[in-house]
Amino acid sequence: MTDPHDPKDLALIRKMGSDRELLAAFKRAYDLSTRYRYTYNWTWLGRPVIQFPQDLMAIQEIIWRTKPAVVVETGIAHGGSLVFSASILALLGGDREAIGVDIDIRTHNRVAIESHPMADRITMFEGSSVDGAMADRVRERVAGRPAMVILDSNHTADHVAQELALYAPLVQAGHYLIVLDTSIEHADPASLGDRPWRAGNSPMTAVEGFLRSDNRFVVDEEYDTKLLLSEAPRGYLRAERNPGA
């Protein structure tokens, strides 16, 4: 895996990450954007992708840099993220695929995904991502290949903690486990409505507990610093060792 950054670039990124005025401006932009469902404004190759464009840029950079054979995603929704991952994997070539798990794959979304040009690189499983049998199906499909895992389904701390326990073992040294929506921890409570997740019961709550119990992973400083506007602060986790090592 090569690092495209000159050390001077990384130094500037770190300096940017310590600019309190800049960070406050992006936090304000994040809170204001939620009023307008900003993340719902985008598509990837024709499918809605509910993400900040900055996170998509970071994910493609990581896929291209680390070259996983498989990207496993929990949460499918309209399929835009699966199509996104599959398209970057297709550019890498070889026998690579994106695997998606969702408790409820709506018929119109399934039809659209299965008729998409990227469909031959996509495998979908319907069922709860925290069901042990489902995790076994995913593990059997991955079959030991180098994998990236992206968690983006139910955002309560308990659910994400269960996903971390089940899917982190798929990630080998040098590859990434990305937990989206950790930003909920610092979001304006008014933007969350009556959903159960919020500060203290969020993906970040789960990530912090996970990092205390599993020292295989570290928060990637580069991505945590340079993104600024992101759904996943402290959510870009890099495996430093193989499972069991």
C-alpha atoms as a PDB file:
ATOM      1  CA  MET A   1       0.000   0.000   0.000  1.00  0.00           C
ATOM      2  CA  THR A   2       1.495   3.304  -1.050  1.00  0.00           C
ATOM      3  CA  ASP A   3       0.927   6.664   0.608  1.00  0.00           C
ATOM      4  CA  PRO A   4       0.433   9.372  -2.043  1.00  0.00           C
ATOM      5  CA  HIS A   5       1.102  12.205   0.383  1.00  0.00           C
ATOM      6  CA  ASP A   6       4.284  14.146   0.791  1.00  0.00           C
ATOM      7  CA  PRO A   7       5.148  14.626   4.500  1.00  0.00           C
ATOM      8  CA  LYS A   8       4.683  18.372   3.992  1.00  0.00           C
ATOM      9  CA  ASP A   9       1.097  17.710   2.852  1.00  0.00           C
ATOM     10  CA  LEU A  10       0.390  15.684   5.986  1.00  0.00           C
ATOM     11  CA  ALA A  11       1.870  18.443   8.119  1.00  0.00           C
ATOM     12  CA  LEU A  12      -0.496  20.940   6.506  1.00  0.00           C
ATOM     13  CA  ILE A  13      -3.429  18.575   7.077  1.00  0.00           C
ATOM     14  CA  ARG A  14      -2.526  18.380  10.773  1.00  0.00           C
ATOM     15  CA  LYS A  15      -2.247  22.157  10.953  1.00  0.00           C
ATOM     16  CA  MET A  16      -5.658  22.485   9.306  1.00  0.00           C
ATOM     17  CA  GLY A  17      -7.094  20.041  11.838  1.00  0.00           C
ATOM     18  CA  SER A  18      -6.005  22.262  14.704  1.00  0.00           C
ATOM     19  CA  ASP A  19      -7.626  25.404  13.256  1.00  0.00           C
ATOM     20  CA  ARG A  20     -10.466  25.972  15.723  1.00  0.00           C
ATOM     21  CA  GLU A  21     -12.103  28.674  13.605  1.00  0.00           C
ATOM     22  CA  LEU A  22     -12.207  26.390  10.578  1.00  0.00           C
ATOM     23  CA  LEU A  23     -13.529  23.425  12.571  1.00  0.00           C
ATOM     24  CA  ALA A  24     -16.271  25.571  14.111  1.00  0.00           C
ATOM     25  CA  ALA A  25     -17.300  26.797  10.660  1.00  0.00           C
ATOM     26  CA  PHE A  26     -17.645  23.256   9.341  1.00  0.00           C
ATOM     27  CA  LYS A  27     -19.549  22.165  12.456  1.00  0.00           C
ATOM     28  CA  ARG A  28     -21.950  25.047  11.862  1.00  0.00           C
ATOM     29  CA  ALA A  29     -22.287  24.061   8.201  1.00  0.00           C
ATOM     30  CA  TYR A  30     -23.010  20.467   9.236  1.00  0.00           C
ATOM     31  CA  ASP A  31     -25.796  21.502  11.623  1.00  0.00           C
ATOM     32  CA  LEU A  32     -27.362  23.899   9.122  1.00  0.00           C
ATOM     33  CA  SER A  33     -27.240  21.380   6.271  1.00  0.00           C
ATOM     34  CA  THR A  34     -29.304  18.817   8.199  1.00  0.00           C
ATOM     35  CA  ARG A  35     -32.306  21.136   7.972  1.00  0.00           C
ATOM     36  CA  TYR A  36     -32.342  20.521   4.245  1.00  0.00           C
ATOM     37  CA  ARG A  37     -31.539  16.766   4.230  1.00  0.00           C
ATOM     38  CA  TYR A  38     -28.317  17.640   2.443  1.00  0.00           C
ATOM     39  CA  THR A  39     -27.060  14.061   2.281  1.00  0.00           C
ATOM     40  CA  TYR A  40     -30.160  13.074   0.274  1.00  0.00           C
ATOM     41  CA  ASN A  41     -29.195  15.363  -2.622  1.00  0.00           C
ATOM     42  CA  TRP A  42     -26.806  12.989  -4.363  1.00  0.00           C
ATOM     43  CA  THR A  43     -26.754   9.951  -6.643  1.00  0.00           C
ATOM     44  CA  TRP A  44     -23.970   7.657  -7.804  1.00  0.00           C
ATOM     45  CA  LEU A  45     -24.370   6.190 -11.292  1.00  0.00           C
ATOM     46  CA  GLY A  46     -28.107   6.785 -11.066  1.00  0.00           C
ATOM     47  CA  ARG A  47     -28.815   5.430  -7.574  1.00  0.00           C
ATOM     48  CA  PRO A  48     -29.462   7.662  -4.533  1.00  0.00           C
ATOM     49  CA  VAL A  49     -26.473   7.628  -2.197  1.00  0.00           C
ATOM     50  CA  ILE A  50     -27.193   9.122   1.224  1.00  0.00           C
ATOM     51  CA  GLN A  51     -23.735  10.410   2.127  1.00  0.00           C
ATOM     52  CA  PHE A  52     -21.658  13.537   2.236  1.00  0.00           C
ATOM     53  CA  PRO A  53     -19.651  13.709  -1.009  1.00  0.00           C
ATOM     54  CA  GLN A  54     -16.526  14.157   1.130  1.00  0.00           C
ATOM     55  CA  ASP A  55     -16.999  10.697   2.658  1.00  0.00           C
ATOM     56  CA  LEU A  56     -17.460   9.150  -0.766  1.00  0.00           C
ATOM     57  CA  MET A  57     -14.201  10.773  -1.855  1.00  0.00           C
ATOM     58  CA  ALA A  58     -12.424   9.366   1.190  1.00  0.00           C
ATOM     59  CA  ILE A  59     -13.876   5.870   0.721  1.00  0.00           C
ATOM     60  CA  GLN A  60     -12.827   5.677  -2.931  1.00  0.00           C
ATOM     61  CA  GLU A  61      -9.358   6.861  -1.964  1.00  0.00           C
ATOM     62  CA  ILE A  62      -9.094   4.106   0.639  1.00  0.00           C
ATOM     63  CA  ILE A  63     -10.428   1.418  -1.711  1.00  0.00           C
ATOM     64  CA  TRP A  64      -7.963   2.454  -4.405  1.00  0.00           C
ATOM     65  CA  ARG A  65      -5.088   2.599  -1.911  1.00  0.00           C
ATOM     66  CA  THR A  66      -5.766  -0.677  -0.071  1.00  0.00           C
ATOM     67  CA  LYS A  67      -7.316  -2.737  -2.909  1.00  0.00           C
ATOM     68  CA  PRO A  68      -9.724  -4.970  -0.958  1.00  0.00           C
ATOM     69  CA  ALA A  69     -11.281  -7.911  -2.748  1.00  0.00           C
ATOM     70  CA  VAL A  70     -14.585  -7.334  -0.970  1.00  0.00           C
ATOM     71  CA  VAL A  71     -16.462  -4.386   0.497  1.00  0.00           C
ATOM     72  CA  VAL A  72     -19.081  -5.456   3.063  1.00  0.00           C
ATOM     73  CA  GLU A  73     -21.780  -2.883   3.842  1.00  0.00           C
ATOM     74  CA  THR A  74     -24.553  -3.063   6.413  1.00  0.00           C
ATOM     75  CA  GLY A  75     -27.491  -0.932   5.311  1.00  0.00           C
ATOM     76  CA  ILE A  76     -28.497  -0.850   1.637  1.00  0.00           C
ATOM     77  CA  ALA A  77     -31.362   1.685   1.361  1.00  0.00           C
ATOM     78  CA  HIS A  78     -31.547   2.704  -2.327  1.00  0.00           C
ATOM     79  CA  GLY A  79     -28.293   0.950  -3.178  1.00  0.00           C
ATOM     80  CA  GLY A  80     -26.207   3.958  -4.123  1.00  0.00           C
ATOM     81  CA  SER A  81     -23.405   3.117  -1.726  1.00  0.00           C
ATOM     82  CA  LEU A  82     -23.268  -0.493  -2.904  1.00  0.00           C
ATOM     83  CA  VAL A  83     -23.134   0.663  -6.525  1.00  0.00           C
ATOM     84  CA  PHE A  84     -20.423   3.149  -5.555  1.00  0.00           C
ATOM     85  CA  SER A  85     -18.258   0.478  -3.917  1.00  0.00           C
ATOM     86  CA  ALA A  86     -18.847  -1.969  -6.767  1.00  0.00           C
ATOM     87  CA  SER A  87     -17.856   0.616  -9.367  1.00  0.00           C
ATOM     88  CA  ILE A  88     -14.544   1.422  -7.680  1.00  0.00           C
ATOM     89  CA  LEU A  89     -13.843  -2.293  -7.256  1.00  0.00           C
ATOM     90  CA  ALA A  90     -14.612  -2.792 -10.960  1.00  0.00           C
ATOM     91  CA  LEU A  91     -11.954  -0.226 -11.856  1.00  0.00           C
ATOM     92  CA  LEU A  92      -9.448  -2.216  -9.811  1.00  0.00           C
ATOM     93  CA  GLY A  93     -10.360  -5.306 -11.845  1.00  0.00           C
ATOM     94  CA  GLY A  94     -10.246  -8.940 -10.885  1.00  0.00           C
ATOM     95  CA  ASP A  95     -12.793 -10.958  -8.935  1.00  0.00           C
ATOM     96  CA  ARG A  96     -14.002  -8.235  -6.551  1.00  0.00           C
ATOM     97  CA  GLU A  97     -17.488  -7.627  -5.168  1.00  0.00           C
ATOM     98  CA  ALA A  98     -19.595  -5.475  -2.870  1.00  0.00           C
ATOM     99  CA  ILE A  99     -21.781  -7.321  -0.344  1.00  0.00           C
ATOM    100  CA  GLY A 100     -24.766  -5.553   1.191  1.00  0.00           C
ATOM    101  CA  VAL A 101     -26.897  -6.576   4.184  1.00  0.00           C
ATOM    102  CA  ASP A 102     -30.232  -4.966   5.036  1.00  0.00           C
ATOM    103  CA  ILE A 103     -33.124  -6.032   7.224  1.00  0.00           C
ATOM    104  CA  ASP A 104     -35.606  -4.845   4.580  1.00  0.00           C
ATOM    105  CA  ILE A 105     -34.630  -4.543   0.918  1.00  0.00           C
ATOM    106  CA  ARG A 106     -37.567  -2.791  -0.712  1.00  0.00           C
ATOM    107  CA  THR A 107     -38.719  -4.468  -3.927  1.00  0.00           C
ATOM    108  CA  HIS A 108     -38.235  -1.378  -6.100  1.00  0.00           C
ATOM    109  CA  ASN A 109     -34.720  -0.910  -4.761  1.00  0.00           C
ATOM    110  CA  ARG A 110     -33.822  -4.557  -5.307  1.00  0.00           C
ATOM    111  CA  VAL A 111     -35.109  -4.415  -8.884  1.00  0.00           C
ATOM    112  CA  ALA A 112     -33.134  -1.229  -9.601  1.00  0.00           C
ATOM    113  CA  ILE A 113     -29.925  -2.626  -8.101  1.00  0.00           C
ATOM    114  CA  GLU A 114     -30.235  -5.996  -9.835  1.00  0.00           C
ATOM    115  CA  SER A 115     -30.760  -4.272 -13.206  1.00  0.00           C
ATOM    116  CA  HIS A 116     -27.837  -1.868 -12.739  1.00  0.00           C
ATOM    117  CA  PRO A 117     -24.673  -2.262 -14.862  1.00  0.00           C
ATOM    118  CA  MET A 118     -22.749  -2.963 -11.630  1.00  0.00           C
ATOM    119  CA  ALA A 119     -25.121  -5.771 -10.589  1.00  0.00           C
ATOM    120  CA  ASP A 120     -22.689  -8.569 -11.429  1.00  0.00           C
ATOM    121  CA  ARG A 121     -20.360  -7.242  -8.726  1.00  0.00           C
ATOM    122  CA  ILE A 122     -23.070  -6.920  -6.055  1.00  0.00           C
ATOM    123  CA  THR A 123     -24.397  -9.559  -3.641  1.00  0.00           C
ATOM    124  CA  MET A 124     -27.316  -8.698  -1.341  1.00  0.00           C
ATOM    125  CA  PHE A 125     -28.501 -10.491   1.778  1.00  0.00           C
ATOM    126  CA  GLU A 126     -31.819  -9.607   3.407  1.00  0.00           C
ATOM    127  CA  GLY A 127     -31.984  -9.959   7.181  1.00  0.00           C
ATOM    128  CA  SER A 128     -30.662  -8.414  10.355  1.00  0.00           C
ATOM    129  CA  SER A 129     -26.971  -7.566  10.243  1.00  0.00           C
ATOM    130  CA  VAL A 130     -26.644  -8.532  13.919  1.00  0.00           C
ATOM    131  CA  ASP A 131     -28.116 -12.007  13.463  1.00  0.00           C
ATOM    132  CA  GLY A 132     -25.371 -14.567  13.973  1.00  0.00           C
ATOM    133  CA  ALA A 133     -26.549 -16.697  11.054  1.00  0.00           C
ATOM    134  CA  MET A 134     -26.429 -13.655   8.773  1.00  0.00           C
ATOM    135  CA  ALA A 135     -22.899 -12.826   9.875  1.00  0.00           C
ATOM    136  CA  ASP A 136     -21.960 -16.443   9.108  1.00  0.00           C
ATOM    137  CA  ARG A 137     -23.391 -16.094   5.574  1.00  0.00           C
ATOM    138  CA  VAL A 138     -21.354 -12.956   5.020  1.00  0.00           C
ATOM    139  CA  ARG A 139     -18.195 -14.554   6.402  1.00  0.00           C
ATOM    140  CA  GLU A 140     -18.670 -17.582   4.139  1.00  0.00           C
ATOM    141  CA  ARG A 141     -19.115 -15.283   1.128  1.00  0.00           C
ATOM    142  CA  VAL A 142     -15.999 -13.276   2.010  1.00  0.00           C
ATOM    143  CA  ALA A 143     -14.120 -16.562   2.369  1.00  0.00           C
ATOM    144  CA  GLY A 144     -10.996 -15.023   3.840  1.00  0.00           C
ATOM    145  CA  ARG A 145     -10.486 -12.473   1.070  1.00  0.00           C
ATOM    146  CA  PRO A 146      -9.141  -9.008   2.018  1.00  0.00           C
ATOM    147  CA  ALA A 147     -12.188  -6.976   3.031  1.00  0.00           C
ATOM    148  CA  MET A 148     -13.258  -3.456   3.886  1.00  0.00           C
ATOM    149  CA  VAL A 149     -16.310  -3.188   6.150  1.00  0.00           C
ATOM    150  CA  ILE A 150     -18.681  -0.188   6.210  1.00  0.00           C
ATOM    151  CA  LEU A 151     -21.345  -0.031   8.946  1.00  0.00           C
ATOM    152  CA  ASP A 152     -24.384   2.120   8.132  1.00  0.00           C
ATOM    153  CA  SER A 153     -27.612   0.499   9.318  1.00  0.00           C
ATOM    154  CA  ASN A 154     -29.294   1.001  12.708  1.00  0.00           C
ATOM    155  CA  HIS A 155     -27.352   3.767  14.491  1.00  0.00           C
ATOM    156  CA  THR A 156     -27.944   2.911  18.165  1.00  0.00           C
ATOM    157  CA  ALA A 157     -24.827   2.186  20.187  1.00  0.00           C
ATOM    158  CA  ASP A 158     -25.929  -1.369  21.020  1.00  0.00           C
ATOM    159  CA  HIS A 159     -26.634  -2.268  17.396  1.00  0.00           C
ATOM    160  CA  VAL A 160     -23.351  -0.849  16.131  1.00  0.00           C
ATOM    161  CA  ALA A 161     -21.437  -2.550  18.956  1.00  0.00           C
ATOM    162  CA  GLN A 162     -22.924  -5.886  17.881  1.00  0.00           C
ATOM    163  CA  GLU A 163     -21.984  -5.209  14.250  1.00  0.00           C
ATOM    164  CA  LEU A 164     -18.442  -4.333  15.283  1.00  0.00           C
ATOM    165  CA  ALA A 165     -18.106  -7.607  17.162  1.00  0.00           C
ATOM    166  CA  LEU A 166     -19.449  -9.619  14.220  1.00  0.00           C
ATOM    167  CA  TYR A 167     -17.748  -7.949  11.257  1.00  0.00           C
ATOM    168  CA  ALA A 168     -14.453  -6.500  12.545  1.00  0.00           C
ATOM    169  CA  PRO A 169     -12.851  -9.979  12.322  1.00  0.00           C
ATOM    170  CA  LEU A 170     -13.278  -9.810   8.526  1.00  0.00           C
ATOM    171  CA  VAL A 171     -10.811  -6.910   8.306  1.00  0.00           C
ATOM    172  CA  GLN A 172      -7.159  -7.811   7.801  1.00  0.00           C
ATOM    173  CA  ALA A 173      -4.088  -5.699   8.585  1.00  0.00           C
ATOM    174  CA  GLY A 174      -3.889  -2.546   6.484  1.00  0.00           C
ATOM    175  CA  HIS A 175      -7.592  -2.584   5.626  1.00  0.00           C
ATOM    176  CA  TYR A 176     -10.415  -0.455   6.985  1.00  0.00           C
ATOM    177  CA  LEU A 177     -13.497  -0.703   9.134  1.00  0.00           C
ATOM    178  CA  ILE A 178     -15.588   2.437   8.570  1.00  0.00           C
ATOM    179  CA  VAL A 179     -18.386   3.338  10.971  1.00  0.00           C
ATOM    180  CA  LEU A 180     -20.676   5.963   9.484  1.00  0.00           C
ATOM    181  CA  ASP A 181     -22.945   8.399  11.351  1.00  0.00           C
ATOM    182  CA  THR A 182     -20.618   8.787  14.311  1.00  0.00           C
ATOM    183  CA  SER A 183     -21.432  12.471  13.702  1.00  0.00           C
ATOM    184  CA  ILE A 184     -24.721  11.866  15.549  1.00  0.00           C
ATOM    185  CA  GLU A 185     -22.752  12.204  18.781  1.00  0.00           C
ATOM    186  CA  HIS A 186     -22.219  15.912  18.126  1.00  0.00           C
ATOM    187  CA  ALA A 187     -25.305  16.674  16.028  1.00  0.00           C
ATOM    188  CA  ASP A 188     -27.891  19.287  16.894  1.00  0.00           C
ATOM    189  CA  PRO A 189     -30.505  17.237  18.846  1.00  0.00           C
ATOM    190  CA  ALA A 190     -33.287  19.007  16.952  1.00  0.00           C
ATOM    191  CA  SER A 191     -32.070  17.376  13.725  1.00  0.00           C
ATOM    192  CA  LEU A 192     -32.534  13.850  15.119  1.00  0.00           C
ATOM    193  CA  GLY A 193     -36.297  13.991  15.648  1.00  0.00           C
ATOM    194  CA  ASP A 194     -37.769  11.076  17.597  1.00  0.00           C
ATOM    195  CA  ARG A 195     -35.154   8.554  16.533  1.00  0.00           C
ATOM    196  CA  PRO A 196     -33.565   6.599  19.383  1.00  0.00           C
ATOM    197  CA  TRP A 197     -29.960   7.468  18.542  1.00  0.00           C
ATOM    198  CA  ARG A 198     -28.376  10.617  19.926  1.00  0.00           C
ATOM    199  CA  ALA A 199     -25.398  11.691  22.068  1.00  0.00           C
ATOM    200  CA  GLY A 200     -24.465   8.829  24.380  1.00  0.00           C
ATOM    201  CA  ASN A 201     -26.369   6.321  22.235  1.00  0.00           C
ATOM    202  CA  SER A 202     -24.711   6.655  18.859  1.00  0.00           C
ATOM    203  CA  PRO A 203     -22.248   4.895  16.564  1.00  0.00           C
ATOM    204  CA  MET A 204     -19.460   6.943  18.166  1.00  0.00           C
ATOM    205  CA  THR A 205     -20.467   5.579  21.580  1.00  0.00           C
ATOM    206  CA  ALA A 206     -19.967   2.098  20.140  1.00  0.00           C
ATOM    207  CA  VAL A 207     -16.688   2.996  18.421  1.00  0.00           C
ATOM    208  CA  GLU A 208     -15.145   4.378  21.608  1.00  0.00           C
ATOM    209  CA  GLY A 209     -16.079   1.232  23.504  1.00  0.00           C
ATOM    210  CA  PHE A 210     -14.775  -0.946  20.675  1.00  0.00           C
ATOM    211  CA  LEU A 211     -11.413   0.834  20.556  1.00  0.00           C
ATOM    212  CA  ARG A 212     -10.981   0.295  24.296  1.00  0.00           C
ATOM    213  CA  SER A 213     -11.577  -3.444  23.935  1.00  0.00           C
ATOM    214  CA  ASP A 214      -9.911  -4.208  20.564  1.00  0.00           C
ATOM    215  CA  ASN A 215      -6.428  -2.754  20.114  1.00  0.00           C
ATOM    216  CA  ARG A 216      -6.098  -4.134  16.588  1.00  0.00           C
ATOM    217  CA  PHE A 217      -7.664  -0.933  15.240  1.00  0.00           C
ATOM    218  CA  VAL A 218      -6.669   2.715  15.338  1.00  0.00           C
ATOM    219  CA  VAL A 219      -8.469   5.851  14.190  1.00  0.00           C
ATOM    220  CA  ASP A 220      -6.822   6.924  10.935  1.00  0.00           C
ATOM    221  CA  GLU A 221      -5.455  10.376  11.755  1.00  0.00           C
ATOM    222  CA  GLU A 222      -5.265  11.514   8.141  1.00  0.00           C
ATOM    223  CA  TYR A 223      -8.932  10.947   7.333  1.00  0.00           C
ATOM    224  CA  ASP A 224     -10.141  12.015  10.746  1.00  0.00           C
ATOM    225  CA  THR A 225      -8.337  15.330  10.251  1.00  0.00           C
ATOM    226  CA  LYS A 226      -8.723  16.222   6.591  1.00  0.00           C
ATOM    227  CA  LEU A 227     -12.402  15.483   5.958  1.00  0.00           C
ATOM    228  CA  LEU A 228     -13.787  18.374   8.036  1.00  0.00           C
ATOM    229  CA  LEU A 229     -17.369  17.803   6.819  1.00  0.00           C
ATOM    230  CA  SER A 230     -18.047  14.116   7.442  1.00  0.00           C
ATOM    231  CA  GLU A 231     -20.628  11.638   8.665  1.00  0.00           C
ATOM    232  CA  ALA A 232     -17.847   9.632  10.272  1.00  0.00           C
ATOM    233  CA  PRO A 233     -15.563  11.560  12.648  1.00  0.00           C
ATOM    234  CA  ARG A 234     -13.358   8.992  14.422  1.00  0.00           C
ATOM    235  CA  GLY A 235     -15.096   6.404  12.292  1.00  0.00           C
ATOM    236  CA  TYR A 236     -12.276   5.603   9.839  1.00  0.00           C
ATOM    237  CA  LEU A 237     -10.597   2.687  11.615  1.00  0.00           C
ATOM    238  CA  ARG A 238      -7.500   0.986  10.209  1.00  0.00           C
ATOM    239  CA  ALA A 239      -6.512  -2.543  11.225  1.00  0.00           C
ATOM    240  CA  GLU A 240      -2.914  -2.680  12.413  1.00  0.00           C
ATOM    241  CA  ARG A 241      -2.751  -6.477  12.744  1.00  0.00           C
ATOM    242  CA  ASN A 242      -4.547  -9.514  11.374  1.00  0.00           C
ATOM    243  CA  PRO A 243      -7.302 -11.121  13.476  1.00  0.00           C
ATOM    244  CA  GLY A 244      -5.810 -13.380  16.114  1.00  0.00           C
ATOM    245  CA  ALA A 245      -2.313 -11.937  15.716  1.00  0.00           C
END
